[in-house]
Amino acid sequence: MKNFVEELRWRGMIQDIMPGTEEKLMEGPQAAYVGIDPTADSLHIGHLVSVMILKHFQNCGHKPFALVGGATGMVGDPSMKSAERNLLDEQTLNHNVAALKAQLSRFLDFDFDAPNKAELVNNYDWMKDYTFINFIRDIGKHITVNYMMAKDSVKKRLSRESSEGMSFTEFSYQLMQGYDFYWLWKNRGCILQLGGSDQWGNITTGTELIRRIDGGEAFALTCPLIRKSDGTKFGKTEKGNVWLDPERTSPYEFYQFWLNVSDEDAERYIKIFTMLPREEIETLIAAHRENPGARELQRVLAREVTIMCHSEEAYNKAVEASKMLFGGNSEALRALDERTFRAVFNDVPSFTVSRADLPLGVMDLLAVNTTVFPSKGEARKMIQGGGVSINKDKVTSIDRSITADDIVNDHYILAQKGKKNYFIINIV
């Protein structure tokens, strides 16, 4: 069998690992799981490390379980949180669970006919009929409060000066997650739980329950929490999370996120977020160090992750959209959907013109109804010098009329003066 632990090790994807884990996995195919709380109806790229670990696990011949926490999502994990999470209702959680499975299917094979096909499980299924009295009698008696208080996730939360304490609801989270591991160990043969390093305490509570209740053996492996080289949080932009849902984060914005990572981050991310083999990655990194200005490493990273998370078609459209600022033509501009159009020209100065004012002479549009040019004289001079374009078409006459046919996506006209100065004219 392919050595799963060694695969993660060279990729820099192991933070903590329980003794004996590697040896156990080399005995033959095993089952493991990663838990994801369905607090939204989309994964974001902060989830990708754990998902990639499950993908490698299946690639190495093992059976992955993706656990969506329909029950624990109603409680909220205190790990790395400074305040208690808002609790979700059952209808919202069910919607989120269905959406997450669809996204996970891009990474894990749930359908092929093999013993190690991926499975999606929901802890609500085994928690919904478990009464409180039975749970604290059957499970709670095996874990002491002292043991639970010693966990970093609890200690850090309680030690914060701004903390208002922790509710019993959140305090019970690690016991619920521990029971998930016990249930999957007993009923599905899961001997390993995988997750981020902030989950180590919750995961080991599960291994302890398995040992104390049935005398069984289980294992734990966590990956590092990813941060950018400047110390800031990975996966965040000025707009917030980078989501996998194209309605939340367009494929163009997604592609741009990876394309713009630093050289240092690109060397780490290409190992963590792609399935490229070691030899190819090492060759890419060596070439990049010789010529970092070409940013080929970032291009490969952006290509691989965008195709994996979206599609090759979405990647190709993102590349074409990226070229729009430095070239492109009217046909390519009109082919952009509205969301991508707005993302490409997000930081461009904009003006508003009434649809009722059209048609307008180009000089009036650029120097009277807007201030793309401070005067008609300057507009005339640049048009005559060939330096003005409307929707990527060069304006060849100062008498050109701008009509409703020039509107892109039923809302916009793109004006350009010189090579790099763009302006969006919103038509309302």
Protein backbone atom coordinates (compact mmCIF):
# COMPACT_ATOMS: atom_id res chain seq x y z
CA MET A 1 0.00 0.00 0.00
CA LYS A 2 1.01 3.60 -0.55
CA ASN A 3 2.23 5.14 2.69
CA PHE A 4 -0.40 7.76 3.59
CA VAL A 5 1.56 9.25 6.49
CA GLU A 6 4.71 9.61 4.40
CA GLU A 7 2.67 11.32 1.66
CA LEU A 8 1.40 13.88 4.17
CA ARG A 9 4.80 14.25 5.81
CA TRP A 10 6.68 15.46 2.71
CA ARG A 11 3.78 17.75 1.87
CA GLY A 12 4.04 19.45 5.29
CA MET A 13 0.56 18.36 6.28
CA ILE A 14 1.19 16.79 9.69
CA GLN A 15 1.12 18.70 12.96
CA ASP A 16 0.44 15.96 15.53
CA ILE A 17 0.18 12.22 15.11
CA MET A 18 -0.55 9.55 17.70
CA PRO A 19 2.17 6.89 18.09
CA GLY A 20 1.47 3.77 16.07
CA THR A 21 -0.72 5.50 13.46
CA GLU A 22 1.65 5.02 10.53
CA GLU A 23 2.27 1.37 11.36
CA LYS A 24 -1.46 0.66 11.71
CA LEU A 25 -2.23 2.17 8.33
CA MET A 26 0.46 0.08 6.66
CA GLU A 27 -1.19 -3.13 7.87
CA GLY A 28 -3.90 -2.79 5.22
CA PRO A 29 -6.90 -0.66 4.21
CA GLN A 30 -8.37 1.28 7.13
CA ALA A 31 -11.23 3.74 7.63
CA ALA A 32 -10.91 7.33 8.87
CA TYR A 33 -13.03 10.43 9.04
CA VAL A 34 -12.95 14.20 9.07
CA GLY A 35 -15.70 16.21 10.72
CA ILE A 36 -17.12 19.37 9.16
CA ASP A 37 -19.65 21.55 10.95
CA PRO A 38 -22.32 22.63 8.44
CA THR A 39 -22.49 26.23 9.65
CA ALA A 40 -22.80 27.43 6.02
CA ASP A 41 -24.01 25.92 2.77
CA SER A 42 -20.54 26.04 1.29
CA LEU A 43 -17.04 25.00 2.20
CA HIS A 44 -14.39 27.71 2.16
CA ILE A 45 -10.71 27.22 1.46
CA GLY A 46 -9.99 26.96 5.18
CA HIS A 47 -11.71 23.54 4.96
CA LEU A 48 -9.53 22.46 2.05
CA VAL A 49 -6.62 21.12 4.09
CA SER A 50 -8.79 18.55 5.85
CA VAL A 51 -10.60 17.70 2.62
CA MET A 52 -7.27 17.20 0.82
CA ILE A 53 -6.14 14.89 3.61
CA LEU A 54 -9.26 12.76 3.06
CA LYS A 55 -8.56 12.80 -0.69
CA HIS A 56 -5.01 11.53 -0.11
CA PHE A 57 -6.41 8.92 2.29
CA GLN A 58 -8.68 7.52 -0.42
CA ASN A 59 -5.89 7.74 -2.99
CA CYS A 60 -3.74 5.56 -0.75
CA GLY A 61 -6.39 2.82 -0.79
CA HIS A 62 -8.16 3.62 2.49
CA LYS A 63 -11.84 4.39 3.09
CA PRO A 64 -12.73 8.01 3.91
CA PHE A 65 -15.79 9.14 5.82
CA ALA A 66 -16.86 12.77 5.68
CA LEU A 67 -18.90 13.56 8.78
CA VAL A 68 -21.14 16.60 8.62
CA GLY A 69 -22.12 17.64 12.09
CA GLY A 70 -25.86 18.05 11.93
CA ALA A 71 -25.94 17.52 15.71
CA THR A 72 -22.70 19.18 16.79
CA GLY A 73 -23.50 22.07 14.43
CA MET A 74 -26.45 22.80 16.69
CA VAL A 75 -24.06 23.15 19.62
CA GLY A 76 -20.96 24.95 18.35
CA ASP A 77 -17.29 24.10 18.81
CA PRO A 78 -15.46 26.40 21.27
CA SER A 79 -12.04 25.57 19.75
CA MET A 80 -10.23 28.75 18.68
CA LYS A 81 -13.42 30.77 19.20
CA SER A 82 -13.62 33.88 21.36
CA ALA A 83 -17.40 33.92 21.62
CA GLU A 84 -20.24 31.46 21.51
CA ARG A 85 -21.49 30.56 18.06
CA ASN A 86 -25.01 31.26 16.89
CA LEU A 87 -26.97 28.00 16.81
CA LEU A 88 -28.70 26.88 13.63
CA ASP A 89 -32.14 25.39 13.20
CA GLU A 90 -32.72 21.93 11.75
CA GLN A 91 -34.05 23.13 8.39
CA THR A 92 -31.00 25.31 7.77
CA LEU A 93 -28.67 22.52 8.80
CA ASN A 94 -30.33 20.04 6.42
CA HIS A 95 -29.94 22.48 3.55
CA ASN A 96 -26.28 23.03 4.41
CA VAL A 97 -25.58 19.30 4.67
CA ALA A 98 -26.97 18.65 1.17
CA ALA A 99 -24.90 21.50 -0.28
CA LEU A 100 -21.69 20.29 1.38
CA LYS A 101 -22.08 16.76 0.03
CA ALA A 102 -22.34 18.12 -3.50
CA GLN A 103 -19.09 20.05 -3.00
CA LEU A 104 -17.27 17.14 -1.36
CA SER A 105 -18.11 15.02 -4.40
CA ARG A 106 -15.59 17.07 -6.37
CA PHE A 107 -12.82 15.71 -4.14
CA LEU A 108 -13.96 12.29 -2.96
CA ASP A 109 -15.39 9.40 -4.95
CA PHE A 110 -18.72 8.46 -3.34
CA ASP A 111 -20.02 6.42 -6.28
CA PHE A 112 -17.45 3.97 -7.55
CA ASP A 113 -17.86 0.29 -6.78
CA ALA A 114 -14.93 -0.37 -4.47
CA PRO A 115 -14.49 -1.13 -0.76
CA ASN A 116 -12.86 2.24 -0.17
CA LYS A 117 -15.56 4.43 -1.71
CA ALA A 118 -16.20 7.56 0.31
CA GLU A 119 -19.23 7.83 2.55
CA LEU A 120 -21.02 10.86 3.97
CA VAL A 121 -22.45 10.51 7.46
CA ASN A 122 -24.39 12.93 9.63
CA ASN A 123 -24.07 12.69 13.41
CA TYR A 124 -27.64 13.94 13.76
CA ASP A 125 -28.69 10.45 12.65
CA TRP A 126 -27.28 8.81 15.79
CA MET A 127 -27.78 11.72 18.19
CA LYS A 128 -31.38 12.73 17.45
CA ASP A 129 -32.95 9.90 19.50
CA TYR A 130 -30.29 9.76 22.21
CA THR A 131 -31.88 11.17 25.35
CA PHE A 132 -29.93 13.46 27.61
CA ILE A 133 -30.26 11.09 30.56
CA ASN A 134 -28.96 8.13 28.56
CA PHE A 135 -26.09 10.14 27.09
CA ILE A 136 -24.74 11.41 30.42
CA ARG A 137 -25.24 7.96 31.98
CA ASP A 138 -23.67 5.93 29.14
CA ILE A 139 -21.02 8.34 27.87
CA GLY A 140 -20.54 11.18 30.35
CA LYS A 141 -19.51 8.92 33.20
CA HIS A 142 -16.37 7.84 31.31
CA ILE A 143 -14.81 11.32 30.99
CA THR A 144 -14.07 13.48 34.01
CA VAL A 145 -14.58 17.23 34.18
CA ASN A 146 -10.88 17.52 35.11
CA TYR A 147 -9.98 15.80 31.83
CA MET A 148 -12.25 18.11 29.82
CA MET A 149 -11.01 21.26 31.59
CA ALA A 150 -7.41 20.38 30.76
CA LYS A 151 -8.03 20.72 27.01
CA ASP A 152 -6.41 23.76 25.41
CA SER A 153 -9.61 24.76 23.62
CA VAL A 154 -11.35 25.10 27.00
CA LYS A 155 -8.44 26.65 28.91
CA LYS A 156 -7.76 29.32 26.29
CA ARG A 157 -11.40 30.27 26.09
CA LEU A 158 -11.78 30.61 29.85
CA SER A 159 -8.50 32.48 30.31
CA ARG A 160 -9.38 35.33 27.94
CA GLU A 161 -10.02 38.56 29.81
CA SER A 162 -12.89 39.41 27.48
CA SER A 163 -14.45 35.97 27.85
CA GLU A 164 -17.88 35.76 29.38
CA GLY A 165 -17.21 32.15 30.20
CA MET A 166 -18.47 29.12 28.36
CA SER A 167 -21.95 27.69 28.40
CA PHE A 168 -22.54 24.07 29.30
CA THR A 169 -23.73 23.65 25.70
CA GLU A 170 -20.30 24.47 24.31
CA PHE A 171 -18.47 22.70 27.12
CA SER A 172 -20.27 19.50 26.14
CA TYR A 173 -19.07 19.77 22.53
CA GLN A 174 -15.90 17.73 23.04
CA LEU A 175 -17.93 14.94 24.64
CA MET A 176 -20.29 14.90 21.64
CA GLN A 177 -17.39 14.86 19.18
CA GLY A 178 -15.72 12.15 21.22
CA TYR A 179 -18.90 10.11 21.00
CA ASP A 180 -18.95 10.57 17.20
CA PHE A 181 -15.53 8.92 17.04
CA TYR A 182 -16.69 6.11 19.33
CA TRP A 183 -19.84 5.54 17.25
CA LEU A 184 -17.93 5.46 13.96
CA TRP A 185 -15.26 3.20 15.48
CA LYS A 186 -17.86 0.76 16.77
CA ASN A 187 -20.32 0.86 13.85
CA ARG A 188 -18.23 1.74 10.79
CA GLY A 189 -14.76 0.54 11.72
CA CYS A 190 -13.17 4.02 11.76
CA ILE A 191 -9.85 3.69 13.57
CA LEU A 192 -8.55 7.19 12.80
CA GLN A 193 -9.85 10.74 13.05
CA LEU A 194 -8.23 13.47 10.96
CA GLY A 195 -8.56 17.23 11.37
CA GLY A 196 -6.92 20.57 11.99
CA SER A 197 -4.51 20.99 14.90
CA ASP A 198 -7.13 22.96 16.83
CA GLN A 199 -9.14 19.70 16.98
CA TRP A 200 -6.45 17.64 18.74
CA GLY A 201 -8.16 17.89 22.13
CA ASN A 202 -11.56 16.88 20.77
CA ILE A 203 -10.09 14.03 18.73
CA THR A 204 -8.13 12.55 21.63
CA THR A 205 -11.26 12.68 23.78
CA GLY A 206 -12.69 10.26 21.22
CA THR A 207 -9.70 7.91 21.43
CA GLU A 208 -9.99 8.02 25.22
CA LEU A 209 -13.71 7.13 25.11
CA ILE A 210 -12.99 4.19 22.82
CA ARG A 211 -10.33 2.96 25.23
CA ARG A 212 -12.38 3.47 28.39
CA ILE A 213 -15.70 2.08 27.13
CA ASP A 214 -14.56 -0.91 25.06
CA GLY A 215 -10.82 -1.13 25.63
CA GLY A 216 -10.36 -0.41 21.95
CA GLU A 217 -7.53 1.29 20.10
CA ALA A 218 -7.95 4.32 17.88
CA PHE A 219 -5.64 6.93 16.41
CA ALA A 220 -5.41 10.66 15.72
CA LEU A 221 -3.65 12.80 13.12
CA THR A 222 -3.90 16.56 12.69
CA CYS A 223 -2.63 19.02 10.12
CA PRO A 224 -1.21 22.48 10.82
CA LEU A 225 -3.50 25.49 10.78
CA ILE A 226 -2.46 27.32 7.64
CA ARG A 227 -1.38 30.93 7.92
CA LYS A 228 0.11 33.20 5.30
CA SER A 229 3.82 33.98 5.46
CA ASP A 230 3.06 37.43 6.86
CA GLY A 231 1.23 35.83 9.79
CA THR A 232 -2.28 36.79 8.69
CA LYS A 233 -5.12 34.30 8.46
CA PHE A 234 -5.19 32.07 5.41
CA GLY A 235 -8.27 32.11 3.18
CA LYS A 236 -9.43 35.61 4.06
CA THR A 237 -9.63 38.62 1.75
CA GLU A 238 -11.01 42.11 2.29
CA LYS A 239 -14.38 40.67 1.30
CA GLY A 240 -14.14 37.81 3.81
CA ASN A 241 -13.83 34.06 3.25
CA VAL A 242 -12.82 32.60 -0.10
CA TRP A 243 -15.68 30.17 -0.73
CA LEU A 244 -15.93 27.15 -3.00
CA ASP A 245 -19.47 28.11 -3.99
CA PRO A 246 -19.16 30.11 -7.25
CA GLU A 247 -22.13 32.25 -6.20
CA ARG A 248 -20.23 33.39 -3.11
CA THR A 249 -16.75 33.65 -4.64
CA SER A 250 -16.63 33.71 -8.44
CA PRO A 251 -14.15 31.34 -10.15
CA TYR A 252 -12.30 34.46 -11.33
CA GLU A 253 -11.90 35.78 -7.77
CA PHE A 254 -10.98 32.26 -6.62
CA TYR A 255 -8.32 31.96 -9.33
CA GLN A 256 -6.96 35.41 -8.51
CA PHE A 257 -6.58 34.51 -4.83
CA TRP A 258 -4.17 31.69 -5.65
CA LEU A 259 -2.44 33.59 -8.45
CA ASN A 260 -1.54 36.41 -6.06
CA VAL A 261 -0.06 34.43 -3.16
CA SER A 262 3.52 35.22 -2.16
CA ASP A 263 6.48 33.17 -3.39
CA GLU A 264 6.98 31.63 0.05
CA ASP A 265 3.32 30.69 0.37
CA ALA A 266 3.21 29.29 -3.18
CA GLU A 267 5.97 26.81 -2.27
CA ARG A 268 3.92 25.53 0.69
CA TYR A 269 0.51 25.68 -0.94
CA ILE A 270 1.46 23.73 -4.07
CA LYS A 271 2.25 20.76 -1.81
CA ILE A 272 -0.86 21.08 0.33
CA PHE A 273 -3.57 22.06 -2.14
CA THR A 274 -2.70 20.07 -5.25
CA MET A 275 -2.32 16.39 -6.06
CA LEU A 276 0.81 16.95 -8.15
CA PRO A 277 3.53 14.34 -7.46
CA ARG A 278 6.62 15.12 -5.44
CA GLU A 279 9.09 15.11 -8.34
CA GLU A 280 7.01 17.55 -10.38
CA ILE A 281 6.52 19.88 -7.42
CA GLU A 282 10.23 19.89 -6.58
CA THR A 283 11.04 20.70 -10.22
CA LEU A 284 8.52 23.54 -10.24
CA ILE A 285 9.90 25.00 -6.99
CA ALA A 286 13.49 24.81 -8.24
CA ALA A 287 12.57 26.57 -11.50
CA HIS A 288 10.62 29.19 -9.58
CA ARG A 289 13.57 29.99 -7.33
CA GLU A 290 15.71 30.60 -10.40
CA ASN A 291 13.13 32.90 -11.98
CA PRO A 292 10.56 34.04 -9.42
CA GLY A 293 9.50 36.96 -11.60
CA ALA A 294 7.77 34.60 -14.03
CA ARG A 295 5.43 33.49 -11.20
CA GLU A 296 5.02 30.13 -12.89
CA LEU A 297 4.57 28.41 -9.54
CA GLN A 298 1.59 30.62 -8.75
CA ARG A 299 0.13 29.99 -12.20
CA VAL A 300 0.33 26.22 -11.79
CA LEU A 301 -1.08 26.44 -8.26
CA ALA A 302 -3.99 28.61 -9.40
CA ARG A 303 -4.69 26.31 -12.35
CA GLU A 304 -4.65 23.08 -10.34
CA VAL A 305 -6.80 24.34 -7.47
CA THR A 306 -9.32 26.14 -9.69
CA ILE A 307 -9.84 23.09 -11.90
CA MET A 308 -10.13 20.79 -8.89
CA CYS A 309 -12.61 23.02 -7.02
CA HIS A 310 -14.58 24.27 -10.03
CA SER A 311 -13.84 22.91 -13.52
CA GLU A 312 -11.47 23.27 -16.44
CA GLU A 313 -14.06 25.43 -18.18
CA ALA A 314 -14.27 27.75 -15.15
CA TYR A 315 -10.46 27.92 -15.08
CA ASN A 316 -10.27 28.85 -18.78
CA LYS A 317 -12.87 31.58 -18.29
CA ALA A 318 -10.95 32.91 -15.29
CA VAL A 319 -7.75 33.07 -17.34
CA GLU A 320 -9.54 34.90 -20.16
CA ALA A 321 -11.08 37.31 -17.65
CA SER A 322 -7.62 37.91 -16.15
CA LYS A 323 -6.30 38.91 -19.56
CA MET A 324 -9.07 41.47 -19.94
CA LEU A 325 -7.20 44.18 -18.03
CA PHE A 326 -4.17 43.83 -20.30
CA GLY A 327 -5.79 42.96 -23.62
CA GLY A 328 -8.93 41.18 -24.68
CA ASN A 329 -11.54 42.35 -27.15
CA SER A 330 -15.18 43.34 -27.26
CA GLU A 331 -16.35 39.80 -27.94
CA ALA A 332 -14.47 38.41 -24.93
CA LEU A 333 -15.73 41.26 -22.75
CA ARG A 334 -19.35 40.54 -23.65
CA ALA A 335 -18.81 36.85 -22.95
CA LEU A 336 -18.13 37.60 -19.27
CA ASP A 337 -21.06 36.94 -16.96
CA GLU A 338 -22.06 39.89 -14.82
CA ARG A 339 -20.48 38.54 -11.63
CA THR A 340 -17.12 38.01 -13.34
CA PHE A 341 -17.35 41.38 -15.09
CA ARG A 342 -17.84 43.11 -11.75
CA ALA A 343 -15.05 41.09 -10.14
CA VAL A 344 -12.54 41.93 -12.90
CA PHE A 345 -13.31 45.64 -12.73
CA ASN A 346 -14.00 45.75 -9.00
CA ASP A 347 -11.54 48.54 -8.19
CA VAL A 348 -12.21 50.64 -11.28
CA PRO A 349 -13.68 54.16 -10.87
CA SER A 350 -17.34 54.26 -11.83
CA PHE A 351 -19.99 56.72 -12.94
CA THR A 352 -23.74 56.49 -13.39
CA VAL A 353 -25.66 57.54 -16.49
CA SER A 354 -29.39 57.27 -17.08
CA ARG A 355 -30.52 54.88 -19.79
CA ALA A 356 -32.93 57.59 -20.90
CA ASP A 357 -29.97 59.80 -21.87
CA LEU A 358 -28.87 57.39 -24.60
CA PRO A 359 -27.92 57.76 -27.36
CA LEU A 360 -25.09 60.11 -26.43
CA GLY A 361 -22.11 61.38 -28.36
CA VAL A 362 -18.92 59.80 -27.08
CA MET A 363 -17.51 63.23 -26.20
CA ASP A 364 -20.56 64.02 -24.04
CA LEU A 365 -20.45 60.60 -22.38
CA LEU A 366 -16.80 60.95 -21.40
CA ALA A 367 -16.55 64.64 -20.58
CA VAL A 368 -20.04 65.93 -19.75
CA ASN A 369 -22.21 63.13 -18.34
CA THR A 370 -19.12 61.70 -16.62
CA THR A 371 -15.66 63.04 -15.80
CA VAL A 372 -13.58 60.34 -17.48
CA PHE A 373 -11.97 63.40 -19.09
CA PRO A 374 -11.98 66.84 -17.43
CA SER A 375 -12.89 68.51 -20.74
CA LYS A 376 -14.06 67.78 -24.26
CA GLY A 377 -10.78 69.15 -25.52
CA GLU A 378 -8.77 66.49 -23.72
CA ALA A 379 -11.22 63.79 -24.81
CA ARG A 380 -10.94 64.92 -28.45
CA LYS A 381 -7.16 64.96 -28.33
CA MET A 382 -6.88 61.42 -26.93
CA ILE A 383 -9.55 60.00 -29.28
CA GLN A 384 -7.73 61.48 -32.27
CA GLY A 385 -4.50 59.96 -30.93
CA GLY A 386 -6.12 56.49 -30.80
CA GLY A 387 -6.01 56.28 -27.01
CA VAL A 388 -9.69 55.76 -26.17
CA SER A 389 -11.74 52.56 -26.28
CA ILE A 390 -15.36 51.72 -25.47
CA ASN A 391 -15.92 48.08 -24.48
CA LYS A 392 -12.45 47.23 -25.81
CA ASP A 393 -13.21 48.69 -29.25
CA LYS A 394 -11.04 51.65 -30.19
CA VAL A 395 -12.98 54.88 -30.77
CA THR A 396 -11.94 56.09 -34.22
CA SER A 397 -14.16 59.16 -34.51
CA ILE A 398 -15.09 61.98 -32.16
CA ASP A 399 -18.58 61.77 -33.69
CA ARG A 400 -19.23 58.23 -32.52
CA SER A 401 -22.64 57.74 -30.89
CA ILE A 402 -23.05 55.58 -27.78
CA THR A 403 -26.34 53.67 -27.87
CA ALA A 404 -28.14 50.95 -25.92
CA ASP A 405 -26.33 48.41 -28.12
CA ASP A 406 -23.10 49.35 -26.34
CA ILE A 407 -24.39 48.23 -22.93
CA VAL A 408 -22.71 45.09 -21.58
CA ASN A 409 -24.67 42.72 -19.35
CA ASP A 410 -27.60 45.15 -19.58
CA HIS A 411 -25.89 47.45 -17.06
CA TYR A 412 -22.39 48.57 -18.01
CA ILE A 413 -20.24 50.40 -20.50
CA LEU A 414 -16.47 50.06 -20.13
CA ALA A 415 -14.42 53.11 -21.05
CA GLN A 416 -10.65 52.98 -21.35
CA LYS A 417 -8.14 55.77 -21.82
CA GLY A 418 -4.57 54.86 -22.45
CA LYS A 419 -3.42 51.32 -21.71
CA LYS A 420 -4.32 50.94 -18.04
CA ASN A 421 -7.00 53.47 -17.08
CA TYR A 422 -10.46 51.90 -16.97
CA PHE A 423 -13.82 53.39 -15.99
CA ILE A 424 -17.16 51.67 -15.51
CA ILE A 425 -20.24 53.59 -16.58
CA ASN A 426 -23.28 52.14 -14.83
CA ILE A 427 -26.43 52.47 -16.91
CA VAL A 428 -29.53 52.81 -14.74
